[in-house]
Amino acid sequence: MKNFKKLKIWQKGMEIVFRTYQLAKQLPSVEKYGLTIQITKAAVSIPSNIAEGSAKTSKKDYKNYLETSLGSAYELETQVLIIEMLGYGDKDIVSNLLKDVDEEQKMIHSFIKTVGDS
């Protein structure tokens, strides 16, 4: 898959990055070196690994990058749930981000099955 930008999982990943940065701007300054860095790093990792994996020639290697992307999506979900628990950020942004991440996880799971193990 050479044109990763056409993949819906990459496009959704980019939307997640945008929403995550919106949320990151709302976090208290005490979280500048904590949750802010964690959520932005995890979010950026989602579409980045999808893109990087698309350059691999074997399905096995591609699948590994997709699994890394999926792991980052679960990591981000956990961090956003922590933010929600602490009462940080706009509730609508948090809620929409959690919905997007859940949808992305399902899409990546499905795509991994499509890629297979060859």
PDB file of N, CA and C in Angstrom:
ATOM      1  N   MET A   1       0.863  -1.181   0.000  1.00  0.00           N
ATOM      2  CA  MET A   1       0.000   0.000   0.000  1.00  0.00           C
ATOM      3  C   MET A   1       0.897   1.228   0.000  1.00  0.00           C
ATOM      4  N   LYS A   2       1.105   1.793  -1.138  1.00  0.00           N
ATOM      5  CA  LYS A   2       2.031   2.918  -1.243  1.00  0.00           C
ATOM      6  C   LYS A   2       1.392   4.261  -0.872  1.00  0.00           C
ATOM      7  N   ASN A   3       0.114   4.449  -1.213  1.00  0.00           N
ATOM      8  CA  ASN A   3      -0.507   5.733  -0.921  1.00  0.00           C
ATOM      9  C   ASN A   3      -1.294   5.653   0.381  1.00  0.00           C
ATOM     10  N   PHE A   4      -0.567   5.745   1.485  1.00  0.00           N
ATOM     11  CA  PHE A   4      -1.174   5.636   2.806  1.00  0.00           C
ATOM     12  C   PHE A   4      -2.199   6.729   3.068  1.00  0.00           C
ATOM     13  N   LYS A   5      -2.068   7.878   2.383  1.00  0.00           N
ATOM     14  CA  LYS A   5      -2.983   9.000   2.620  1.00  0.00           C
ATOM     15  C   LYS A   5      -4.415   8.695   2.194  1.00  0.00           C
ATOM     16  N   LYS A   6      -4.599   7.667   1.381  1.00  0.00           N
ATOM     17  CA  LYS A   6      -5.944   7.269   0.966  1.00  0.00           C
ATOM     18  C   LYS A   6      -6.601   6.318   1.963  1.00  0.00           C
ATOM     19  N   LEU A   7      -5.823   5.788   2.891  1.00  0.00           N
ATOM     20  CA  LEU A   7      -6.361   4.854   3.872  1.00  0.00           C
ATOM     21  C   LEU A   7      -7.231   5.581   4.901  1.00  0.00           C
ATOM     22  N   LYS A   8      -8.427   5.067   5.110  1.00  0.00           N
ATOM     23  CA  LYS A   8      -9.334   5.670   6.093  1.00  0.00           C
ATOM     24  C   LYS A   8      -8.751   5.607   7.501  1.00  0.00           C
ATOM     25  N   ILE A   9      -7.979   4.566   7.804  1.00  0.00           N
ATOM     26  CA  ILE A   9      -7.382   4.480   9.138  1.00  0.00           C
ATOM     27  C   ILE A   9      -6.319   5.560   9.332  1.00  0.00           C
ATOM     28  N   TRP A  10      -5.621   5.929   8.270  1.00  0.00           N
ATOM     29  CA  TRP A  10      -4.636   7.014   8.373  1.00  0.00           C
ATOM     30  C   TRP A  10      -5.363   8.348   8.524  1.00  0.00           C
ATOM     31  N   GLN A  11      -6.400   8.559   7.715  1.00  0.00           N
ATOM     32  CA  GLN A  11      -7.182   9.804   7.780  1.00  0.00           C
ATOM     33  C   GLN A  11      -7.805   9.995   9.164  1.00  0.00           C
ATOM     34  N   LYS A  12      -8.377   8.923   9.721  1.00  0.00           N
ATOM     35  CA  LYS A  12      -8.957   8.992  11.063  1.00  0.00           C
ATOM     36  C   LYS A  12      -7.853   9.267  12.080  1.00  0.00           C
ATOM     37  N   GLY A  13      -6.688   8.674  11.890  1.00  0.00           N
ATOM     38  CA  GLY A  13      -5.558   8.931  12.775  1.00  0.00           C
ATOM     39  C   GLY A  13      -5.157  10.398  12.777  1.00  0.00           C
ATOM     40  N   MET A  14      -5.206  11.021  11.621  1.00  0.00           N
ATOM     41  CA  MET A  14      -4.875  12.449  11.532  1.00  0.00           C
ATOM     42  C   MET A  14      -5.920  13.302  12.248  1.00  0.00           C
ATOM     43  N   GLU A  15      -7.184  12.920  12.153  1.00  0.00           N
ATOM     44  CA  GLU A  15      -8.244  13.625  12.890  1.00  0.00           C
ATOM     45  C   GLU A  15      -8.007  13.509  14.396  1.00  0.00           C
ATOM     46  N   ILE A  16      -7.582  12.326  14.813  1.00  0.00           N
ATOM     47  CA  ILE A  16      -7.292  12.096  16.232  1.00  0.00           C
ATOM     48  C   ILE A  16      -6.132  12.982  16.690  1.00  0.00           C
ATOM     49  N   VAL A  17      -5.125  13.133  15.854  1.00  0.00           N
ATOM     50  CA  VAL A  17      -4.002  14.022  16.193  1.00  0.00           C
ATOM     51  C   VAL A  17      -4.526  15.441  16.411  1.00  0.00           C
ATOM     52  N   PHE A  18      -5.368  15.916  15.508  1.00  0.00           N
ATOM     53  CA  PHE A  18      -5.911  17.277  15.613  1.00  0.00           C
ATOM     54  C   PHE A  18      -6.680  17.453  16.922  1.00  0.00           C
ATOM     55  N   ARG A  19      -7.591  16.517  17.203  1.00  0.00           N
ATOM     56  CA  ARG A  19      -8.391  16.597  18.433  1.00  0.00           C
ATOM     57  C   ARG A  19      -7.512  16.507  19.683  1.00  0.00           C
ATOM     58  N   THR A  20      -6.495  15.669  19.609  1.00  0.00           N
ATOM     59  CA  THR A  20      -5.603  15.504  20.761  1.00  0.00           C
ATOM     60  C   THR A  20      -4.864  16.798  21.059  1.00  0.00           C
ATOM     61  N   TYR A  21      -4.408  17.479  20.016  1.00  0.00           N
ATOM     62  CA  TYR A  21      -3.728  18.756  20.237  1.00  0.00           C
ATOM     63  C   TYR A  21      -4.690  19.819  20.763  1.00  0.00           C
ATOM     64  N   GLN A  22      -5.966  19.756  20.357  1.00  0.00           N
ATOM     65  CA  GLN A  22      -6.966  20.665  20.930  1.00  0.00           C
ATOM     66  C   GLN A  22      -7.079  20.425  22.433  1.00  0.00           C
ATOM     67  N   LEU A  23      -7.134  19.162  22.818  1.00  0.00           N
ATOM     68  CA  LEU A  23      -7.231  18.814  24.232  1.00  0.00           C
ATOM     69  C   LEU A  23      -5.951  19.192  24.972  1.00  0.00           C
ATOM     70  N   ALA A  24      -4.819  18.939  24.359  1.00  0.00           N
ATOM     71  CA  ALA A  24      -3.529  19.229  25.011  1.00  0.00           C
ATOM     72  C   ALA A  24      -3.408  20.706  25.379  1.00  0.00           C
ATOM     73  N   LYS A  25      -3.946  21.582  24.541  1.00  0.00           N
ATOM     74  CA  LYS A  25      -3.906  23.026  24.812  1.00  0.00           C
ATOM     75  C   LYS A  25      -4.685  23.390  26.073  1.00  0.00           C
ATOM     76  N   GLN A  26      -5.633  22.534  26.448  1.00  0.00           N
ATOM     77  CA  GLN A  26      -6.486  22.816  27.597  1.00  0.00           C
ATOM     78  C   GLN A  26      -5.943  22.256  28.912  1.00  0.00           C
ATOM     79  N   LEU A  27      -4.921  21.447  28.842  1.00  0.00           N
ATOM     80  CA  LEU A  27      -4.394  20.838  30.062  1.00  0.00           C
ATOM     81  C   LEU A  27      -3.654  21.878  30.890  1.00  0.00           C
ATOM     82  N   PRO A  28      -3.687  21.717  32.206  1.00  0.00           N
ATOM     83  CA  PRO A  28      -2.979  22.685  33.060  1.00  0.00           C
ATOM     84  C   PRO A  28      -1.471  22.629  32.826  1.00  0.00           C
ATOM     85  N   SER A  29      -0.816  23.747  33.103  1.00  0.00           N
ATOM     86  CA  SER A  29       0.628  23.843  32.851  1.00  0.00           C
ATOM     87  C   SER A  29       1.418  22.812  33.647  1.00  0.00           C
ATOM     88  N   VAL A  30       0.891  22.351  34.758  1.00  0.00           N
ATOM     89  CA  VAL A  30       1.578  21.334  35.552  1.00  0.00           C
ATOM     90  C   VAL A  30       1.715  20.025  34.760  1.00  0.00           C
ATOM     91  N   GLU A  31       0.887  19.837  33.743  1.00  0.00           N
ATOM     92  CA  GLU A  31       0.934  18.636  32.911  1.00  0.00           C
ATOM     93  C   GLU A  31       1.783  18.804  31.640  1.00  0.00           C
ATOM     94  N   LYS A  32       2.471  19.945  31.528  1.00  0.00           N
ATOM     95  CA  LYS A  32       3.275  20.217  30.325  1.00  0.00           C
ATOM     96  C   LYS A  32       4.250  19.094  30.017  1.00  0.00           C
ATOM     97  N   TYR A  33       4.886  18.548  31.028  1.00  0.00           N
ATOM     98  CA  TYR A  33       5.865  17.475  30.822  1.00  0.00           C
ATOM     99  C   TYR A  33       5.305  16.111  31.218  1.00  0.00           C
ATOM    100  N   GLY A  34       4.003  16.043  31.426  1.00  0.00           N
ATOM    101  CA  GLY A  34       3.354  14.795  31.808  1.00  0.00           C
ATOM    102  C   GLY A  34       2.360  14.365  30.745  1.00  0.00           C
ATOM    103  N   LEU A  35       1.104  14.545  31.039  1.00  0.00           N
ATOM    104  CA  LEU A  35       0.048  14.088  30.140  1.00  0.00           C
ATOM    105  C   LEU A  35       0.086  14.756  28.774  1.00  0.00           C
ATOM    106  N   THR A  36       0.463  16.009  28.727  1.00  0.00           N
ATOM    107  CA  THR A  36       0.508  16.713  27.435  1.00  0.00           C
ATOM    108  C   THR A  36       1.439  16.007  26.460  1.00  0.00           C
ATOM    109  N   ILE A  37       2.628  15.705  26.909  1.00  0.00           N
ATOM    110  CA  ILE A  37       3.601  15.002  26.053  1.00  0.00           C
ATOM    111  C   ILE A  37       3.114  13.595  25.746  1.00  0.00           C
ATOM    112  N   GLN A  38       2.571  12.921  26.742  1.00  0.00           N
ATOM    113  CA  GLN A  38       2.117  11.542  26.556  1.00  0.00           C
ATOM    114  C   GLN A  38       1.023  11.439  25.500  1.00  0.00           C
ATOM    115  N   ILE A  39      -0.003  12.301  25.595  1.00  0.00           N
ATOM    116  CA  ILE A  39      -1.122  12.176  24.650  1.00  0.00           C
ATOM    117  C   ILE A  39      -0.730  12.586  23.238  1.00  0.00           C
ATOM    118  N   THR A  40       0.090  13.619  23.114  1.00  0.00           N
ATOM    119  CA  THR A  40       0.471  14.035  21.758  1.00  0.00           C
ATOM    120  C   THR A  40       1.388  13.004  21.106  1.00  0.00           C
ATOM    121  N   LYS A  41       2.280  12.426  21.886  1.00  0.00           N
ATOM    122  CA  LYS A  41       3.185  11.400  21.351  1.00  0.00           C
ATOM    123  C   LYS A  41       2.403  10.166  20.907  1.00  0.00           C
ATOM    124  N   ALA A  42       1.461   9.711  21.729  1.00  0.00           N
ATOM    125  CA  ALA A  42       0.655   8.531  21.385  1.00  0.00           C
ATOM    126  C   ALA A  42      -0.202   8.811  20.156  1.00  0.00           C
ATOM    127  N   ALA A  43      -0.807  10.001  20.109  1.00  0.00           N
ATOM    128  CA  ALA A  43      -1.675  10.342  18.971  1.00  0.00           C
ATOM    129  C   ALA A  43      -0.890  10.395  17.664  1.00  0.00           C
ATOM    130  N   VAL A  44       0.252  11.042  17.682  1.00  0.00           N
ATOM    131  CA  VAL A  44       1.079  11.156  16.473  1.00  0.00           C
ATOM    132  C   VAL A  44       1.563   9.788  16.016  1.00  0.00           C
ATOM    133  N   SER A  45       1.775   8.894  16.950  1.00  0.00           N
ATOM    134  CA  SER A  45       2.250   7.549  16.633  1.00  0.00           C
ATOM    135  C   SER A  45       1.235   6.745  15.818  1.00  0.00           C
ATOM    136  N   ILE A  46      -0.040   7.035  15.988  1.00  0.00           N
ATOM    137  CA  ILE A  46      -1.070   6.247  15.291  1.00  0.00           C
ATOM    138  C   ILE A  46      -0.930   6.378  13.771  1.00  0.00           C
ATOM    139  N   PRO A  47      -1.091   7.574  13.187  1.00  0.00           N
ATOM    140  CA  PRO A  47      -0.965   7.656  11.728  1.00  0.00           C
ATOM    141  C   PRO A  47       0.474   7.484  11.244  1.00  0.00           C
ATOM    142  N   SER A  48       1.439   7.828  12.081  1.00  0.00           N
ATOM    143  CA  SER A  48       2.848   7.689  11.681  1.00  0.00           C
ATOM    144  C   SER A  48       3.211   6.236  11.428  1.00  0.00           C
ATOM    145  N   ASN A  49       2.782   5.347  12.291  1.00  0.00           N
ATOM    146  CA  ASN A  49       3.086   3.924  12.113  1.00  0.00           C
ATOM    147  C   ASN A  49       2.301   3.327  10.953  1.00  0.00           C
ATOM    148  N   ILE A  50       1.106   3.812  10.715  1.00  0.00           N
ATOM    149  CA  ILE A  50       0.347   3.364   9.545  1.00  0.00           C
ATOM    150  C   ILE A  50       1.104   3.756   8.275  1.00  0.00           C
ATOM    151  N   ALA A  51       1.585   4.979   8.240  1.00  0.00           N
ATOM    152  CA  ALA A  51       2.339   5.460   7.077  1.00  0.00           C
ATOM    153  C   ALA A  51       3.648   4.693   6.909  1.00  0.00           C
ATOM    154  N   GLU A  52       4.392   4.550   7.988  1.00  0.00           N
ATOM    155  CA  GLU A  52       5.681   3.856   7.910  1.00  0.00           C
ATOM    156  C   GLU A  52       5.501   2.401   7.495  1.00  0.00           C
ATOM    157  N   GLY A  53       4.492   1.759   8.040  1.00  0.00           N
ATOM    158  CA  GLY A  53       4.229   0.367   7.690  1.00  0.00           C
ATOM    159  C   GLY A  53       3.879   0.175   6.230  1.00  0.00           C
ATOM    160  N   SER A  54       3.249   1.176   5.638  1.00  0.00           N
ATOM    161  CA  SER A  54       2.844   1.057   4.233  1.00  0.00           C
ATOM    162  C   SER A  54       4.045   0.962   3.296  1.00  0.00           C
ATOM    163  N   ALA A  55       5.213   1.338   3.774  1.00  0.00           N
ATOM    164  CA  ALA A  55       6.427   1.270   2.951  1.00  0.00           C
ATOM    165  C   ALA A  55       7.086  -0.108   3.003  1.00  0.00           C
ATOM    166  N   LYS A  56       6.626  -0.962   3.890  1.00  0.00           N
ATOM    167  CA  LYS A  56       7.232  -2.285   4.053  1.00  0.00           C
ATOM    168  C   LYS A  56       6.772  -3.213   2.930  1.00  0.00           C
ATOM    169  N   THR A  57       7.665  -4.092   2.536  1.00  0.00           N
ATOM    170  CA  THR A  57       7.353  -4.982   1.414  1.00  0.00           C
ATOM    171  C   THR A  57       6.685  -6.283   1.838  1.00  0.00           C
ATOM    172  N   SER A  58       6.844  -6.669   3.103  1.00  0.00           N
ATOM    173  CA  SER A  58       6.192  -7.907   3.540  1.00  0.00           C
ATOM    174  C   SER A  58       4.946  -7.578   4.353  1.00  0.00           C
ATOM    175  N   LYS A  59       3.953  -8.441   4.224  1.00  0.00           N
ATOM    176  CA  LYS A  59       2.716  -8.271   4.988  1.00  0.00           C
ATOM    177  C   LYS A  59       2.982  -8.393   6.484  1.00  0.00           C
ATOM    178  N   LYS A  60       3.916  -9.255   6.845  1.00  0.00           N
ATOM    179  CA  LYS A  60       4.254  -9.444   8.258  1.00  0.00           C
ATOM    180  C   LYS A  60       4.789  -8.146   8.868  1.00  0.00           C
ATOM    181  N   ASP A  61       5.709  -7.499   8.153  1.00  0.00           N
ATOM    182  CA  ASP A  61       6.257  -6.232   8.640  1.00  0.00           C
ATOM    183  C   ASP A  61       5.182  -5.162   8.714  1.00  0.00           C
ATOM    184  N   TYR A  62       4.347  -5.104   7.688  1.00  0.00           N
ATOM    185  CA  TYR A  62       3.258  -4.122   7.655  1.00  0.00           C
ATOM    186  C   TYR A  62       2.336  -4.333   8.847  1.00  0.00           C
ATOM    187  N   LYS A  63       1.991  -5.590   9.099  1.00  0.00           N
ATOM    188  CA  LYS A  63       1.108  -5.923  10.210  1.00  0.00           C
ATOM    189  C   LYS A  63       1.726  -5.490  11.541  1.00  0.00           C
ATOM    190  N   ASN A  64       3.035  -5.660  11.694  1.00  0.00           N
ATOM    191  CA  ASN A  64       3.709  -5.228  12.922  1.00  0.00           C
ATOM    192  C   ASN A  64       3.546  -3.731  13.162  1.00  0.00           C
ATOM    193  N   TYR A  65       3.669  -2.934  12.106  1.00  0.00           N
ATOM    194  CA  TYR A  65       3.486  -1.486  12.243  1.00  0.00           C
ATOM    195  C   TYR A  65       2.039  -1.143  12.566  1.00  0.00           C
ATOM    196  N   LEU A  66       1.111  -1.872  11.969  1.00  0.00           N
ATOM    197  CA  LEU A  66      -0.307  -1.648  12.272  1.00  0.00           C
ATOM    198  C   LEU A  66      -0.591  -1.997  13.733  1.00  0.00           C
ATOM    199  N   GLU A  67       0.027  -3.059  14.221  1.00  0.00           N
ATOM    200  CA  GLU A  67      -0.156  -3.437  15.623  1.00  0.00           C
ATOM    201  C   GLU A  67       0.450  -2.388  16.561  1.00  0.00           C
ATOM    202  N   THR A  68       1.555  -1.787  16.168  1.00  0.00           N
ATOM    203  CA  THR A  68       2.142  -0.702  16.962  1.00  0.00           C
ATOM    204  C   THR A  68       1.192   0.488  16.989  1.00  0.00           C
ATOM    205  N   SER A  69       0.608   0.792  15.840  1.00  0.00           N
ATOM    206  CA  SER A  69      -0.374   1.874  15.754  1.00  0.00           C
ATOM    207  C   SER A  69      -1.561   1.588  16.667  1.00  0.00           C
ATOM    208  N   LEU A  70      -2.028   0.357  16.657  1.00  0.00           N
ATOM    209  CA  LEU A  70      -3.141  -0.048  17.512  1.00  0.00           C
ATOM    210  C   LEU A  70      -2.772   0.102  18.988  1.00  0.00           C
ATOM    211  N   GLY A  71      -1.565  -0.297  19.325  1.00  0.00           N
ATOM    212  CA  GLY A  71      -1.094  -0.137  20.707  1.00  0.00           C
ATOM    213  C   GLY A  71      -1.090   1.323  21.124  1.00  0.00           C
ATOM    214  N   SER A  72      -0.686   2.197  20.222  1.00  0.00           N
ATOM    215  CA  SER A  72      -0.692   3.634  20.513  1.00  0.00           C
ATOM    216  C   SER A  72      -2.114   4.148  20.710  1.00  0.00           C
ATOM    217  N   ALA A  73      -3.057   3.596  19.966  1.00  0.00           N
ATOM    218  CA  ALA A  73      -4.461   3.989  20.116  1.00  0.00           C
ATOM    219  C   ALA A  73      -4.983   3.588  21.501  1.00  0.00           C
ATOM    220  N   TYR A  74      -4.607   2.401  21.957  1.00  0.00           N
ATOM    221  CA  TYR A  74      -5.012   1.977  23.299  1.00  0.00           C
ATOM    222  C   TYR A  74      -4.317   2.804  24.377  1.00  0.00           C
ATOM    223  N   GLU A  75      -3.071   3.143  24.133  1.00  0.00           N
ATOM    224  CA  GLU A  75      -2.337   3.998  25.067  1.00  0.00           C
ATOM    225  C   GLU A  75      -3.023   5.359  25.171  1.00  0.00           C
ATOM    226  N   LEU A  76      -3.359   5.939  24.026  1.00  0.00           N
ATOM    227  CA  LEU A  76      -4.028   7.242  24.019  1.00  0.00           C
ATOM    228  C   LEU A  76      -5.374   7.163  24.734  1.00  0.00           C
ATOM    229  N   GLU A  77      -6.128   6.099  24.477  1.00  0.00           N
ATOM    230  CA  GLU A  77      -7.418   5.951  25.150  1.00  0.00           C
ATOM    231  C   GLU A  77      -7.247   5.975  26.672  1.00  0.00           C
ATOM    232  N   THR A  78      -6.267   5.243  27.168  1.00  0.00           N
ATOM    233  CA  THR A  78      -6.018   5.204  28.607  1.00  0.00           C
ATOM    234  C   THR A  78      -5.680   6.587  29.145  1.00  0.00           C
ATOM    235  N   GLN A  79      -4.841   7.299  28.437  1.00  0.00           N
ATOM    236  CA  GLN A  79      -4.429   8.631  28.885  1.00  0.00           C
ATOM    237  C   GLN A  79      -5.593   9.619  28.872  1.00  0.00           C
ATOM    238  N   VAL A  80      -6.450   9.521  27.864  1.00  0.00           N
ATOM    239  CA  VAL A  80      -7.615  10.409  27.800  1.00  0.00           C
ATOM    240  C   VAL A  80      -8.611  10.053  28.913  1.00  0.00           C
ATOM    241  N   LEU A  81      -8.734   8.778  29.222  1.00  0.00           N
ATOM    242  CA  LEU A  81      -9.587   8.381  30.344  1.00  0.00           C
ATOM    243  C   LEU A  81      -9.043   8.943  31.664  1.00  0.00           C
ATOM    244  N   ILE A  82      -7.735   9.006  31.799  1.00  0.00           N
ATOM    245  CA  ILE A  82      -7.120   9.623  32.982  1.00  0.00           C
ATOM    246  C   ILE A  82      -7.452  11.105  33.025  1.00  0.00           C
ATOM    247  N   ILE A  83      -7.346  11.764  31.878  1.00  0.00           N
ATOM    248  CA  ILE A  83      -7.686  13.191  31.793  1.00  0.00           C
ATOM    249  C   ILE A  83      -9.140  13.405  32.187  1.00  0.00           C
ATOM    250  N   GLU A  84     -10.008  12.542  31.689  1.00  0.00           N
ATOM    251  CA  GLU A  84     -11.431  12.631  32.025  1.00  0.00           C
ATOM    252  C   GLU A  84     -11.630  12.437  33.533  1.00  0.00           C
ATOM    253  N   MET A  85     -10.962  11.455  34.102  1.00  0.00           N
ATOM    254  CA  MET A  85     -11.070  11.158  35.527  1.00  0.00           C
ATOM    255  C   MET A  85     -10.613  12.351  36.381  1.00  0.00           C
ATOM    256  N   LEU A  86      -9.575  13.037  35.909  1.00  0.00           N
ATOM    257  CA  LEU A  86      -9.043  14.192  36.641  1.00  0.00           C
ATOM    258  C   LEU A  86      -9.856  15.461  36.407  1.00  0.00           C
ATOM    259  N   GLY A  87     -10.799  15.410  35.468  1.00  0.00           N
ATOM    260  CA  GLY A  87     -11.651  16.569  35.199  1.00  0.00           C
ATOM    261  C   GLY A  87     -10.975  17.651  34.377  1.00  0.00           C
ATOM    262  N   TYR A  88      -9.952  17.275  33.605  1.00  0.00           N
ATOM    263  CA  TYR A  88      -9.259  18.238  32.753  1.00  0.00           C
ATOM    264  C   TYR A  88      -9.949  18.332  31.397  1.00  0.00           C
ATOM    265  N   GLY A  89      -9.859  19.483  30.770  1.00  0.00           N
ATOM    266  CA  GLY A  89     -10.305  19.657  29.393  1.00  0.00           C
ATOM    267  C   GLY A  89     -11.812  19.717  29.229  1.00  0.00           C
ATOM    268  N   ASP A  90     -12.206  20.189  28.056  1.00  0.00           N
ATOM    269  CA  ASP A  90     -13.606  20.292  27.674  1.00  0.00           C
ATOM    270  C   ASP A  90     -14.212  18.895  27.548  1.00  0.00           C
ATOM    271  N   LYS A  91     -15.349  18.687  28.182  1.00  0.00           N
ATOM    272  CA  LYS A  91     -15.978  17.361  28.198  1.00  0.00           C
ATOM    273  C   LYS A  91     -16.357  16.886  26.798  1.00  0.00           C
ATOM    274  N   ASP A  92     -16.782  17.808  25.929  1.00  0.00           N
ATOM    275  CA  ASP A  92     -17.152  17.422  24.563  1.00  0.00           C
ATOM    276  C   ASP A  92     -15.934  16.964  23.767  1.00  0.00           C
ATOM    277  N   ILE A  93     -14.819  17.667  23.917  1.00  0.00           N
ATOM    278  CA  ILE A  93     -13.595  17.266  23.215  1.00  0.00           C
ATOM    279  C   ILE A  93     -13.144  15.907  23.713  1.00  0.00           C
ATOM    280  N   VAL A  94     -13.162  15.704  25.018  1.00  0.00           N
ATOM    281  CA  VAL A  94     -12.763  14.414  25.600  1.00  0.00           C
ATOM    282  C   VAL A  94     -13.673  13.306  25.078  1.00  0.00           C
ATOM    283  N   SER A  95     -14.981  13.541  25.123  1.00  0.00           N
ATOM    284  CA  SER A  95     -15.953  12.536  24.679  1.00  0.00           C
ATOM    285  C   SER A  95     -15.782  12.203  23.202  1.00  0.00           C
ATOM    286  N   ASN A  96     -15.655  13.224  22.373  1.00  0.00           N
ATOM    287  CA  ASN A  96     -15.483  13.002  20.930  1.00  0.00           C
ATOM    288  C   ASN A  96     -14.164  12.312  20.619  1.00  0.00           C
ATOM    289  N   LEU A  97     -13.127  12.662  21.351  1.00  0.00           N
ATOM    290  CA  LEU A  97     -11.832  12.024  21.143  1.00  0.00           C
ATOM    291  C   LEU A  97     -11.910  10.537  21.511  1.00  0.00           C
ATOM    292  N   LEU A  98     -12.559  10.228  22.611  1.00  0.00           N
ATOM    293  CA  LEU A  98     -12.712   8.825  23.006  1.00  0.00           C
ATOM    294  C   LEU A  98     -13.509   8.043  21.958  1.00  0.00           C
ATOM    295  N   LYS A  99     -14.526   8.658  21.385  1.00  0.00           N
ATOM    296  CA  LYS A  99     -15.312   7.999  20.322  1.00  0.00           C
ATOM    297  C   LYS A  99     -14.447   7.763  19.090  1.00  0.00           C
ATOM    298  N   ASP A 100     -13.674   8.770  18.718  1.00  0.00           N
ATOM    299  CA  ASP A 100     -12.787   8.634  17.556  1.00  0.00           C
ATOM    300  C   ASP A 100     -11.753   7.535  17.766  1.00  0.00           C
ATOM    301  N   VAL A 101     -11.173   7.494  18.948  1.00  0.00           N
ATOM    302  CA  VAL A 101     -10.149   6.493  19.238  1.00  0.00           C
ATOM    303  C   VAL A 101     -10.761   5.095  19.209  1.00  0.00           C
ATOM    304  N   ASP A 102     -11.954   4.944  19.762  1.00  0.00           N
ATOM    305  CA  ASP A 102     -12.634   3.650  19.728  1.00  0.00           C
ATOM    306  C   ASP A 102     -12.894   3.210  18.287  1.00  0.00           C
ATOM    307  N   GLU A 103     -13.365   4.127  17.475  1.00  0.00           N
ATOM    308  CA  GLU A 103     -13.611   3.820  16.065  1.00  0.00           C
ATOM    309  C   GLU A 103     -12.311   3.448  15.352  1.00  0.00           C
ATOM    310  N   GLU A 104     -11.252   4.178  15.647  1.00  0.00           N
ATOM    311  CA  GLU A 104      -9.949   3.896  15.035  1.00  0.00           C
ATOM    312  C   GLU A 104      -9.449   2.512  15.421  1.00  0.00           C
ATOM    313  N   GLN A 105      -9.604   2.152  16.675  1.00  0.00           N
ATOM    314  CA  GLN A 105      -9.170   0.834  17.128  1.00  0.00           C
ATOM    315  C   GLN A 105      -9.892  -0.264  16.343  1.00  0.00           C
ATOM    316  N   LYS A 106     -11.181  -0.113  16.170  1.00  0.00           N
ATOM    317  CA  LYS A 106     -11.965  -1.099  15.416  1.00  0.00           C
ATOM    318  C   LYS A 106     -11.513  -1.159  13.963  1.00  0.00           C
ATOM    319  N   MET A 107     -11.239   0.013  13.379  1.00  0.00           N
ATOM    320  CA  MET A 107     -10.800   0.063  11.985  1.00  0.00           C
ATOM    321  C   MET A 107      -9.435  -0.602  11.814  1.00  0.00           C
ATOM    322  N   ILE A 108      -8.523  -0.343  12.742  1.00  0.00           N
ATOM    323  CA  ILE A 108      -7.188  -0.945  12.650  1.00  0.00           C
ATOM    324  C   ILE A 108      -7.280  -2.458  12.831  1.00  0.00           C
ATOM    325  N   HIS A 109      -8.065  -2.907  13.810  1.00  0.00           N
ATOM    326  CA  HIS A 109      -8.268  -4.354  13.996  1.00  0.00           C
ATOM    327  C   HIS A 109      -8.728  -4.995  12.694  1.00  0.00           C
ATOM    328  N   SER A 110      -9.712  -4.390  12.064  1.00  0.00           N
ATOM    329  CA  SER A 110     -10.259  -4.920  10.815  1.00  0.00           C
ATOM    330  C   SER A 110      -9.220  -4.918   9.708  1.00  0.00           C
ATOM    331  N   PHE A 111      -8.441  -3.849   9.625  1.00  0.00           N
ATOM    332  CA  PHE A 111      -7.427  -3.741   8.581  1.00  0.00           C
ATOM    333  C   PHE A 111      -6.324  -4.770   8.790  1.00  0.00           C
ATOM    334  N   ILE A 112      -5.969  -5.034  10.031  1.00  0.00           N
ATOM    335  CA  ILE A 112      -4.953  -6.048  10.323  1.00  0.00           C
ATOM    336  C   ILE A 112      -5.415  -7.405   9.793  1.00  0.00           C
ATOM    337  N   LYS A 113      -6.679  -7.719   9.985  1.00  0.00           N
ATOM    338  CA  LYS A 113      -7.229  -8.974   9.463  1.00  0.00           C
ATOM    339  C   LYS A 113      -7.163  -9.010   7.934  1.00  0.00           C
ATOM    340  N   THR A 114      -7.411  -7.866   7.317  1.00  0.00           N
ATOM    341  CA  THR A 114      -7.354  -7.772   5.849  1.00  0.00           C
ATOM    342  C   THR A 114      -5.939  -7.995   5.331  1.00  0.00           C
ATOM    343  N   VAL A 115      -4.961  -7.438   6.018  1.00  0.00           N
ATOM    344  CA  VAL A 115      -3.555  -7.576   5.602  1.00  0.00           C
ATOM    345  C   VAL A 115      -3.110  -9.031   5.711  1.00  0.00           C
ATOM    346  N   GLY A 116      -3.517  -9.713   6.779  1.00  0.00           N
ATOM    347  CA  GLY A 116      -3.171 -11.126   6.947  1.00  0.00           C
ATOM    348  C   GLY A 116      -1.755 -11.337   7.428  1.00  0.00           C
ATOM    349  N   ASP A 117      -1.300 -12.572   7.355  1.00  0.00           N
ATOM    350  CA  ASP A 117       0.007 -12.955   7.909  1.00  0.00           C
ATOM    351  C   ASP A 117       1.070 -13.311   6.887  1.00  0.00           C
ATOM    352  N   SER A 118       0.788 -13.241   5.654  1.00  0.00           N
ATOM    353  CA  SER A 118       1.725 -13.720   4.619  1.00  0.00           C
ATOM    354  C   SER A 118       3.113 -13.144   4.737  1.00  0.00           C
TER     355      SER A 118
END
